[in-house]
Amino acid sequence: MQKLKLHGFNNLTKSLSLCIYDICYAKTADDCDSYIAYIDEQYNANRLTEILSETCSMIGANILNIARQDYEPQGASVAILVSEEPVDPGSIDTSEHPGPLPESVVAHLDKSHICVHTYPESHPGGGMCTFRADIEVSTCGAISPLKALNYLIHQLESDVVTMDYRVRGFTRDINGVKHYIDHEINSIQNFMIRDMKALYHMMDVNVYQENIFHTKMMLKDFDLKHYLFNARPDNLSVDERKAITDLLYKEMQEIYYGRNLSVI
């Protein structure tokens, strides 16, 4: 897309929303409680603030204000208000390609924000424990939340991910013509690195004429030892390992397809 010469400020709002799910098997009610306590501490408000602050740096935004809160009995929220960095308009890359990975809460932005809410959940009857992080990166102007996509998925344990990206509003060029998007995009997938995409089943549902893009991901393969809390696969029988593996896969499928499955 040719670089737009705008009249005044870029008024487009670009919003990226992610639901990232981490799934675990905990055999007993006590194990479920221990898992929830562990994940709640692992992703407390301080840790989430660090992740979102790095996200701001990655997309080129200044942090104006941070609000964060840990909840009882579990969960946390962080919100950040941000402003766009002063940049040379000619240096902004709006092409469709993946953003960076890291080298190794609520923040408030000027006309823009980043926020995350966490939802640890378990049910003692089936042994399934699910942690969900709900993240939204919303920006106005030239900066793009899509640059943070790979980093955010990489920073959290991501078994299933659902993503929505939408460009809202319009901005005018110097001739007064309205523009409803200022960059090329065919799929959210095109902003992800190849190695990450190879790990997941992926599906798109896009409404191009409305500038609405939806992608969901489910991990293709997983190692059971990483999904057992307070247990090891070698201490389980072959039948137990298969039954738990089937339960985990069924849980992932149900979240991925958004409906309950009667059979595996």
Protein backbone atom coordinates (compact mmCIF):
# COMPACT_ATOMS: atom_id res chain seq x y z
CA MET A 1 0.00 0.00 0.00
CA GLN A 2 1.39 3.42 -0.96
CA LYS A 3 2.29 5.69 1.96
CA LEU A 4 -0.67 7.92 2.82
CA LYS A 5 -0.21 11.67 3.11
CA LEU A 6 -2.64 12.53 5.87
CA HIS A 7 -4.43 15.68 6.88
CA GLY A 8 -3.61 15.92 10.57
CA PHE A 9 -3.45 13.00 13.00
CA ASN A 10 -4.03 9.37 12.00
CA ASN A 11 -7.47 8.69 13.56
CA LEU A 12 -7.64 4.95 12.88
CA THR A 13 -8.04 2.66 15.91
CA LYS A 14 -6.28 -0.70 15.63
CA SER A 15 -7.21 -3.35 18.20
CA LEU A 16 -5.65 -6.77 18.76
CA SER A 17 -7.39 -9.07 21.25
CA LEU A 18 -5.99 -12.42 22.36
CA CYS A 19 -7.33 -15.20 24.55
CA ILE A 20 -4.41 -17.44 25.49
CA TYR A 21 -5.15 -20.75 27.23
CA ASP A 22 -2.81 -22.95 29.27
CA ILE A 23 -4.17 -26.40 30.17
CA CYS A 24 -3.02 -28.80 32.89
CA TYR A 25 -4.13 -32.10 34.47
CA ALA A 26 -4.26 -32.26 38.28
CA LYS A 27 -5.59 -35.56 39.63
CA THR A 28 -6.88 -34.54 43.08
CA ALA A 29 -8.77 -31.53 44.39
CA ASP A 30 -5.67 -30.54 46.40
CA ASP A 31 -3.56 -30.74 43.24
CA CYS A 32 -6.07 -28.50 41.45
CA ASP A 33 -5.86 -25.94 44.24
CA SER A 34 -2.06 -26.10 44.17
CA TYR A 35 -1.99 -25.57 40.41
CA ILE A 36 -4.28 -22.55 40.65
CA ALA A 37 -2.08 -21.08 43.42
CA TYR A 38 1.05 -21.72 41.32
CA ILE A 39 -0.29 -20.18 38.11
CA ASP A 40 -1.74 -17.24 40.05
CA GLU A 41 1.71 -16.47 41.43
CA GLN A 42 3.44 -17.13 38.10
CA TYR A 43 1.27 -14.54 36.37
CA ASN A 44 0.68 -12.04 39.16
CA ALA A 45 0.18 -8.32 38.54
CA ASN A 46 3.91 -7.55 38.77
CA ARG A 47 4.87 -10.17 36.16
CA LEU A 48 2.06 -9.07 33.84
CA THR A 49 3.20 -5.46 34.19
CA GLU A 50 6.68 -6.49 33.01
CA ILE A 51 5.22 -8.28 29.98
CA LEU A 52 2.98 -5.36 29.01
CA SER A 53 5.72 -2.80 29.54
CA GLU A 54 7.95 -4.73 27.15
CA THR A 55 5.03 -4.86 24.72
CA CYS A 56 4.80 -1.06 24.82
CA SER A 57 8.49 -0.78 24.03
CA MET A 58 8.12 -3.26 21.17
CA ILE A 59 5.30 -1.41 19.40
CA GLY A 60 6.87 2.02 19.98
CA ALA A 61 4.58 3.47 22.66
CA ASN A 62 5.24 5.66 25.71
CA ILE A 63 3.68 4.56 29.00
CA LEU A 64 1.63 7.31 30.63
CA ASN A 65 0.02 5.42 33.51
CA ILE A 66 -0.17 1.90 34.93
CA ALA A 67 -2.97 0.40 37.03
CA ARG A 68 -2.66 -3.14 38.39
CA GLN A 69 -4.50 -5.36 40.80
CA ASP A 70 -4.21 -8.90 42.20
CA TYR A 71 -7.57 -10.41 43.16
CA GLU A 72 -8.77 -12.82 45.84
CA PRO A 73 -9.03 -15.74 45.60
CA GLN A 74 -7.17 -15.60 42.26
CA GLY A 75 -6.64 -13.61 39.08
CA ALA A 76 -5.01 -10.29 38.22
CA SER A 77 -5.54 -7.27 35.96
CA VAL A 78 -3.11 -4.78 34.52
CA ALA A 79 -4.02 -1.78 32.35
CA ILE A 80 -1.65 0.68 30.69
CA LEU A 81 -2.40 3.97 28.98
CA VAL A 82 0.16 4.77 26.30
CA SER A 83 1.05 7.46 23.79
CA GLU A 84 2.67 7.07 20.42
CA GLU A 85 6.41 7.64 20.23
CA PRO A 86 7.50 10.63 18.14
CA VAL A 87 8.76 8.89 15.01
CA ASP A 88 9.69 9.78 11.47
CA PRO A 89 6.58 8.82 9.46
CA GLY A 90 8.83 7.58 6.66
CA SER A 91 10.45 5.05 9.01
CA ILE A 92 7.22 3.22 9.91
CA ASP A 93 7.02 -0.22 8.32
CA THR A 94 3.39 -1.13 7.53
CA SER A 95 4.14 -4.22 5.45
CA GLU A 96 2.60 -7.58 6.35
CA HIS A 97 5.33 -9.55 8.15
CA PRO A 98 6.03 -11.06 11.60
CA GLY A 99 7.03 -8.91 14.54
CA PRO A 100 9.98 -9.71 16.83
CA LEU A 101 10.39 -12.32 19.55
CA PRO A 102 12.02 -11.46 22.91
CA GLU A 103 15.81 -11.87 23.10
CA SER A 104 16.03 -14.05 25.96
CA VAL A 105 -0.96 -4.65 33.53
CA VAL A 106 -3.04 -1.93 32.81
CA ALA A 107 -0.97 0.72 31.16
CA HIS A 108 -2.66 3.90 29.98
CA LEU A 109 -1.58 5.38 26.65
CA ASP A 110 -2.58 8.69 25.07
CA LYS A 111 -5.62 7.60 23.02
CA SER A 112 -4.33 4.01 23.33
CA HIS A 113 -4.21 1.27 25.93
CA ILE A 114 -2.97 -2.22 26.71
CA CYS A 115 -4.68 -4.43 29.27
CA VAL A 116 -4.66 -8.01 30.50
CA HIS A 117 -6.98 -9.98 32.78
CA THR A 118 -6.29 -13.53 34.00
CA TYR A 119 -8.79 -16.28 34.77
CA PRO A 120 -7.43 -19.41 36.52
CA GLU A 121 -10.13 -22.12 36.52
CA SER A 122 -10.50 -25.76 37.54
CA HIS A 123 -13.11 -28.41 38.17
CA PRO A 124 -12.33 -31.12 40.73
CA GLY A 125 -14.46 -33.74 38.97
CA GLY A 126 -12.39 -34.16 35.82
CA GLY A 127 -8.89 -33.05 36.79
CA MET A 128 -8.76 -30.38 34.08
CA CYS A 129 -7.30 -26.99 35.05
CA THR A 130 -7.36 -24.08 32.62
CA PHE A 131 -5.60 -20.73 32.82
CA ARG A 132 -6.80 -17.99 30.46
CA ALA A 133 -5.12 -14.65 29.83
CA ASP A 134 -7.33 -12.12 28.04
CA ILE A 135 -5.14 -9.43 26.42
CA GLU A 136 -6.07 -6.35 24.41
CA VAL A 137 -3.66 -4.00 22.65
CA SER A 138 -5.47 -0.98 21.20
CA THR A 139 -3.63 1.85 19.44
CA CYS A 140 -4.40 5.00 17.50
CA GLY A 141 -2.09 6.48 14.92
CA ALA A 142 0.69 4.77 13.00
CA ILE A 143 1.87 2.23 15.59
CA SER A 144 0.57 -1.31 15.15
CA PRO A 145 -0.36 -3.80 17.90
CA LEU A 146 0.44 -6.66 15.49
CA LYS A 147 4.14 -6.13 16.18
CA ALA A 148 3.59 -7.54 19.68
CA LEU A 149 1.85 -10.74 18.52
CA ASN A 150 4.81 -13.16 18.56
CA TYR A 151 6.15 -11.78 21.83
CA LEU A 152 2.86 -12.19 23.72
CA ILE A 153 2.25 -15.75 22.52
CA HIS A 154 5.85 -16.63 23.35
CA GLN A 155 5.67 -15.16 26.87
CA LEU A 156 2.68 -17.24 27.99
CA GLU A 157 2.09 -20.99 27.91
CA SER A 158 -0.06 -21.08 24.80
CA ASP A 159 -1.92 -24.35 24.15
CA VAL A 160 -4.91 -22.69 22.47
CA VAL A 161 -5.02 -19.09 21.23
CA THR A 162 -7.89 -17.11 19.72
CA MET A 163 -7.07 -13.74 18.17
CA ASP A 164 -9.12 -10.87 16.77
CA TYR A 165 -7.75 -7.85 14.94
CA ARG A 166 -9.90 -4.96 13.80
CA VAL A 167 -9.31 -1.52 12.32
CA ARG A 168 -12.06 0.98 13.19
CA GLY A 169 -12.90 4.53 12.20
CA PHE A 170 -11.33 6.46 9.36
CA THR A 171 -8.65 9.03 8.68
CA ARG A 172 -8.46 11.64 5.90
CA ASP A 173 -5.69 12.24 3.42
CA ILE A 174 -4.58 15.71 2.31
CA ASN A 175 -7.29 15.67 -0.39
CA GLY A 176 -10.04 14.99 2.17
CA VAL A 177 -10.58 11.38 1.05
CA LYS A 178 -11.47 8.98 3.89
CA HIS A 179 -9.29 5.88 4.42
CA TYR A 180 -10.56 3.02 6.58
CA ILE A 181 -7.25 1.14 6.85
CA ASP A 182 -3.65 2.27 6.37
CA HIS A 183 -1.78 -1.01 5.92
CA GLU A 184 -2.01 -4.29 4.04
CA ILE A 185 -3.33 -7.38 5.81
CA ASN A 186 -4.70 -10.66 4.47
CA SER A 187 -4.40 -12.72 7.65
CA ILE A 188 -3.15 -12.37 11.21
CA GLN A 189 -1.06 -15.46 10.44
CA ASN A 190 1.18 -13.40 8.16
CA PHE A 191 2.43 -11.48 11.20
CA MET A 192 3.64 -14.67 12.93
CA ILE A 193 7.01 -16.34 12.52
CA ARG A 194 7.16 -19.59 10.54
CA ASP A 195 8.51 -21.72 13.43
CA MET A 196 5.60 -20.74 15.66
CA LYS A 197 2.97 -21.40 12.99
CA ALA A 198 4.44 -24.88 12.42
CA LEU A 199 3.52 -25.86 16.00
CA TYR A 200 -0.21 -25.16 15.67
CA HIS A 201 -3.34 -26.10 13.80
CA MET A 202 -4.65 -22.74 12.56
CA MET A 203 -7.92 -21.45 11.16
CA ASP A 204 -8.98 -18.04 9.84
CA VAL A 205 -12.41 -16.40 9.76
CA ASN A 206 -12.00 -12.97 8.12
CA VAL A 207 -14.47 -10.28 7.04
CA TYR A 208 -12.27 -8.28 4.69
CA GLN A 209 -14.82 -5.63 3.73
CA GLU A 210 -15.22 -4.74 7.43
CA ASN A 211 -11.49 -4.94 8.27
CA ILE A 212 -12.16 -7.73 10.79
CA PHE A 213 -9.69 -10.61 11.09
CA HIS A 214 -9.98 -13.69 13.31
CA THR A 215 -7.46 -16.51 13.76
CA LYS A 216 -7.45 -19.42 16.19
CA MET A 217 -4.63 -21.83 17.03
CA MET A 218 -4.36 -25.21 18.76
CA LEU A 219 -1.09 -26.95 19.57
CA LYS A 220 -0.52 -29.96 17.28
CA ASP A 221 1.60 -32.13 19.58
CA PHE A 222 2.33 -32.04 23.28
CA ASP A 223 4.52 -33.91 25.76
CA LEU A 224 2.42 -35.31 28.61
CA LYS A 225 5.11 -34.64 31.23
CA HIS A 226 4.60 -30.89 30.77
CA TYR A 227 0.85 -31.18 31.48
CA LEU A 228 0.88 -33.17 34.73
CA PHE A 229 0.86 -31.28 38.02
CA ASN A 230 2.54 -33.12 40.92
CA ALA A 231 2.82 -36.31 38.84
CA ARG A 232 5.17 -38.00 36.37
CA PRO A 233 4.22 -40.08 33.31
CA ASP A 234 6.50 -43.00 34.38
CA ASN A 235 4.47 -43.36 37.58
CA LEU A 236 1.29 -43.93 35.56
CA SER A 237 0.12 -47.03 33.76
CA VAL A 238 -0.15 -47.09 29.97
CA ASP A 239 -3.93 -46.90 30.27
CA GLU A 240 -3.75 -43.92 32.64
CA ARG A 241 -1.39 -42.05 30.33
CA LYS A 242 -3.69 -42.63 27.36
CA ALA A 243 -6.82 -41.60 29.30
CA ILE A 244 -5.20 -38.36 30.53
CA THR A 245 -3.80 -37.57 27.08
CA ASP A 246 -7.28 -38.04 25.59
CA LEU A 247 -8.79 -35.75 28.25
CA LEU A 248 -6.23 -33.03 27.55
CA TYR A 249 -6.75 -33.26 23.79
CA LYS A 250 -10.53 -33.15 24.22
CA GLU A 251 -10.22 -30.04 26.43
CA MET A 252 -8.10 -28.31 23.78
CA GLN A 253 -10.50 -29.27 20.99
CA GLU A 254 -13.52 -27.95 22.90
CA ILE A 255 -11.84 -24.60 23.52
CA TYR A 256 -10.56 -24.42 19.92
CA TYR A 257 -13.95 -25.17 18.34
CA GLY A 258 -15.95 -23.32 21.00
CA ARG A 259 -18.34 -26.18 21.73
CA ASN A 260 -18.56 -29.23 23.98
CA LEU A 261 -17.77 -32.58 22.40
CA SER A 262 -19.65 -35.70 23.45
CA VAL A 263 -16.89 -37.98 22.17
CA ILE A 264 -13.14 -37.58 21.77
